[in-house]
Amino acid sequence: MWKYIRRHLHIAVIAGSFMIGEVLTDLLQPGLMREIVDEGVLGLSAGGVGNMTLVWSLGIRMACLVIFGGLCRALNNVFAHMTGQNASGADDICVYESPY
């Protein structure tokens, strides 16, 4: 079994790194949303005056994070499927030969 795992381990590591990127973007979004509401809308540190420039800049940053997270998710799926298909050992079996 290690023979199959070792051949495709690099693809599995790449898939795992894209999963980490996806999870990190998902964890960053609530903090940005909190900052939009607290500082941009409510203006807690500015005496109750909202900051629309901050809302737009953080909104654009969140949109970029969503795009990056979606890209990481898609690439994770691609590499995970490549690992699953290649590590099964099916590439070593000739389909057209009779097993007898």
C-alpha atoms as a PDB file:
ATOM      1  CA  MET A   1       0.000   0.000   0.000  1.00  0.00           C
ATOM      2  CA  TRP A   2       2.847   2.380   0.780  1.00  0.00           C
ATOM      3  CA  LYS A   3       3.938   1.952  -2.847  1.00  0.00           C
ATOM      4  CA  TYR A   4       0.735   3.634  -4.039  1.00  0.00           C
ATOM      5  CA  ILE A   5       0.722   6.303  -1.341  1.00  0.00           C
ATOM      6  CA  ARG A   6       4.354   7.282  -1.894  1.00  0.00           C
ATOM      7  CA  ARG A   7       3.839   7.816  -5.634  1.00  0.00           C
ATOM      8  CA  HIS A   8       0.976  10.255  -5.139  1.00  0.00           C
ATOM      9  CA  LEU A   9       1.863  11.829  -1.804  1.00  0.00           C
ATOM     10  CA  HIS A  10       2.918  15.138  -3.367  1.00  0.00           C
ATOM     11  CA  ILE A  11      -0.518  15.563  -4.957  1.00  0.00           C
ATOM     12  CA  ALA A  12      -2.198  14.834  -1.622  1.00  0.00           C
ATOM     13  CA  VAL A  13      -0.004  17.417   0.130  1.00  0.00           C
ATOM     14  CA  ILE A  14      -0.933  20.028  -2.479  1.00  0.00           C
ATOM     15  CA  ALA A  15      -4.630  19.219  -1.941  1.00  0.00           C
ATOM     16  CA  GLY A  16      -4.177  19.609   1.812  1.00  0.00           C
ATOM     17  CA  SER A  17      -2.476  22.976   1.421  1.00  0.00           C
ATOM     18  CA  PHE A  18      -5.380  24.262  -0.669  1.00  0.00           C
ATOM     19  CA  MET A  19      -7.754  23.048   2.049  1.00  0.00           C
ATOM     20  CA  ILE A  20      -5.777  25.038   4.614  1.00  0.00           C
ATOM     21  CA  GLY A  21      -6.057  28.132   2.391  1.00  0.00           C
ATOM     22  CA  GLU A  22      -9.822  27.659   2.141  1.00  0.00           C
ATOM     23  CA  VAL A  23     -10.238  27.248   5.895  1.00  0.00           C
ATOM     24  CA  LEU A  24      -8.100  30.306   6.634  1.00  0.00           C
ATOM     25  CA  THR A  25     -10.191  32.490   4.345  1.00  0.00           C
ATOM     26  CA  ASP A  26     -13.346  31.200   6.034  1.00  0.00           C
ATOM     27  CA  LEU A  27     -11.898  32.081   9.438  1.00  0.00           C
ATOM     28  CA  LEU A  28     -10.892  35.617   8.393  1.00  0.00           C
ATOM     29  CA  GLN A  29     -14.320  36.683   7.134  1.00  0.00           C
ATOM     30  CA  PRO A  30     -16.137  37.039  10.508  1.00  0.00           C
ATOM     31  CA  GLY A  31     -13.407  39.345  11.796  1.00  0.00           C
ATOM     32  CA  LEU A  32     -13.710  41.564   8.743  1.00  0.00           C
ATOM     33  CA  MET A  33     -17.478  41.607   9.085  1.00  0.00           C
ATOM     34  CA  ARG A  34     -17.151  42.598  12.746  1.00  0.00           C
ATOM     35  CA  GLU A  35     -14.874  45.469  11.778  1.00  0.00           C
ATOM     36  CA  ILE A  36     -17.298  46.629   9.076  1.00  0.00           C
ATOM     37  CA  VAL A  37     -20.186  46.710  11.532  1.00  0.00           C
ATOM     38  CA  ASP A  38     -18.341  48.082  14.578  1.00  0.00           C
ATOM     39  CA  GLU A  39     -16.172  50.704  12.909  1.00  0.00           C
ATOM     40  CA  GLY A  40     -17.713  51.328   9.504  1.00  0.00           C
ATOM     41  CA  VAL A  41     -21.418  51.359  10.349  1.00  0.00           C
ATOM     42  CA  LEU A  42     -21.647  52.064  14.095  1.00  0.00           C
ATOM     43  CA  GLY A  43     -18.407  54.053  14.409  1.00  0.00           C
ATOM     44  CA  LEU A  44     -17.661  52.838  17.919  1.00  0.00           C
ATOM     45  CA  SER A  45     -14.155  54.317  18.062  1.00  0.00           C
ATOM     46  CA  ALA A  46     -15.144  57.533  16.247  1.00  0.00           C
ATOM     47  CA  GLY A  47     -17.905  58.649  18.590  1.00  0.00           C
ATOM     48  CA  GLY A  48     -20.793  57.082  16.707  1.00  0.00           C
ATOM     49  CA  VAL A  49     -19.837  58.368  13.243  1.00  0.00           C
ATOM     50  CA  GLY A  50     -19.667  55.676  10.576  1.00  0.00           C
ATOM     51  CA  ASN A  51     -16.913  55.490   7.985  1.00  0.00           C
ATOM     52  CA  MET A  52     -18.183  54.584   4.515  1.00  0.00           C
ATOM     53  CA  THR A  53     -14.646  54.453   3.082  1.00  0.00           C
ATOM     54  CA  LEU A  54     -13.782  51.736   5.575  1.00  0.00           C
ATOM     55  CA  VAL A  55     -16.944  49.820   4.653  1.00  0.00           C
ATOM     56  CA  TRP A  56     -16.026  49.881   0.958  1.00  0.00           C
ATOM     57  CA  SER A  57     -12.381  48.936   1.482  1.00  0.00           C
ATOM     58  CA  LEU A  58     -13.195  46.057   3.806  1.00  0.00           C
ATOM     59  CA  GLY A  59     -16.019  44.948   1.504  1.00  0.00           C
ATOM     60  CA  ILE A  60     -13.631  44.772  -1.436  1.00  0.00           C
ATOM     61  CA  ARG A  61     -11.149  42.868   0.731  1.00  0.00           C
ATOM     62  CA  MET A  62     -13.881  40.405   1.715  1.00  0.00           C
ATOM     63  CA  ALA A  63     -14.876  39.933  -1.928  1.00  0.00           C
ATOM     64  CA  CYS A  64     -11.255  39.145  -2.807  1.00  0.00           C
ATOM     65  CA  LEU A  65     -11.119  36.666   0.079  1.00  0.00           C
ATOM     66  CA  VAL A  66     -14.261  34.954  -1.205  1.00  0.00           C
ATOM     67  CA  ILE A  67     -12.740  34.618  -4.676  1.00  0.00           C
ATOM     68  CA  PHE A  68      -9.481  33.291  -3.213  1.00  0.00           C
ATOM     69  CA  GLY A  69     -11.351  30.836  -0.970  1.00  0.00           C
ATOM     70  CA  GLY A  70     -13.422  29.581  -3.898  1.00  0.00           C
ATOM     71  CA  LEU A  71     -10.283  29.098  -5.960  1.00  0.00           C
ATOM     72  CA  CYS A  72      -8.670  27.161  -3.112  1.00  0.00           C
ATOM     73  CA  ARG A  73     -11.794  25.023  -2.766  1.00  0.00           C
ATOM     74  CA  ALA A  74     -11.880  24.230  -6.478  1.00  0.00           C
ATOM     75  CA  LEU A  75      -8.178  23.374  -6.620  1.00  0.00           C
ATOM     76  CA  ASN A  76      -8.483  21.264  -3.484  1.00  0.00           C
ATOM     77  CA  ASN A  77     -11.222  19.252  -5.167  1.00  0.00           C
ATOM     78  CA  VAL A  78      -9.138  18.794  -8.309  1.00  0.00           C
ATOM     79  CA  PHE A  79      -6.057  17.559  -6.470  1.00  0.00           C
ATOM     80  CA  ALA A  80      -8.041  15.409  -4.020  1.00  0.00           C
ATOM     81  CA  HIS A  81      -9.784  13.668  -6.910  1.00  0.00           C
ATOM     82  CA  MET A  82      -6.483  13.200  -8.715  1.00  0.00           C
ATOM     83  CA  THR A  83      -5.041  11.605  -5.580  1.00  0.00           C
ATOM     84  CA  GLY A  84      -8.043   9.348  -5.087  1.00  0.00           C
ATOM     85  CA  GLN A  85      -8.109   8.165  -8.670  1.00  0.00           C
ATOM     86  CA  ASN A  86      -4.381   7.625  -9.008  1.00  0.00           C
ATOM     87  CA  ALA A  87      -3.665   6.142  -5.581  1.00  0.00           C
ATOM     88  CA  SER A  88      -6.268   3.411  -5.989  1.00  0.00           C
ATOM     89  CA  GLY A  89      -3.869   1.329  -8.025  1.00  0.00           C
ATOM     90  CA  ALA A  90      -6.206   1.231 -11.006  1.00  0.00           C
ATOM     91  CA  ASP A  91      -3.465   2.615 -13.224  1.00  0.00           C
ATOM     92  CA  ASP A  92      -1.467  -0.606 -12.664  1.00  0.00           C
ATOM     93  CA  ILE A  93      -4.254  -2.909 -13.830  1.00  0.00           C
ATOM     94  CA  CYS A  94      -4.732  -3.524 -17.515  1.00  0.00           C
ATOM     95  CA  VAL A  95      -8.464  -3.467 -18.167  1.00  0.00           C
ATOM     96  CA  TYR A  96      -8.284  -5.247 -21.514  1.00  0.00           C
ATOM     97  CA  GLU A  97      -6.378  -8.345 -20.362  1.00  0.00           C
ATOM     98  CA  SER A  98      -8.218 -11.389 -19.184  1.00  0.00           C
ATOM     99  CA  PRO A  99      -7.510 -12.131 -15.514  1.00  0.00           C
ATOM    100  CA  TYR A 100      -7.374 -15.904 -16.348  1.00  0.00           C
END
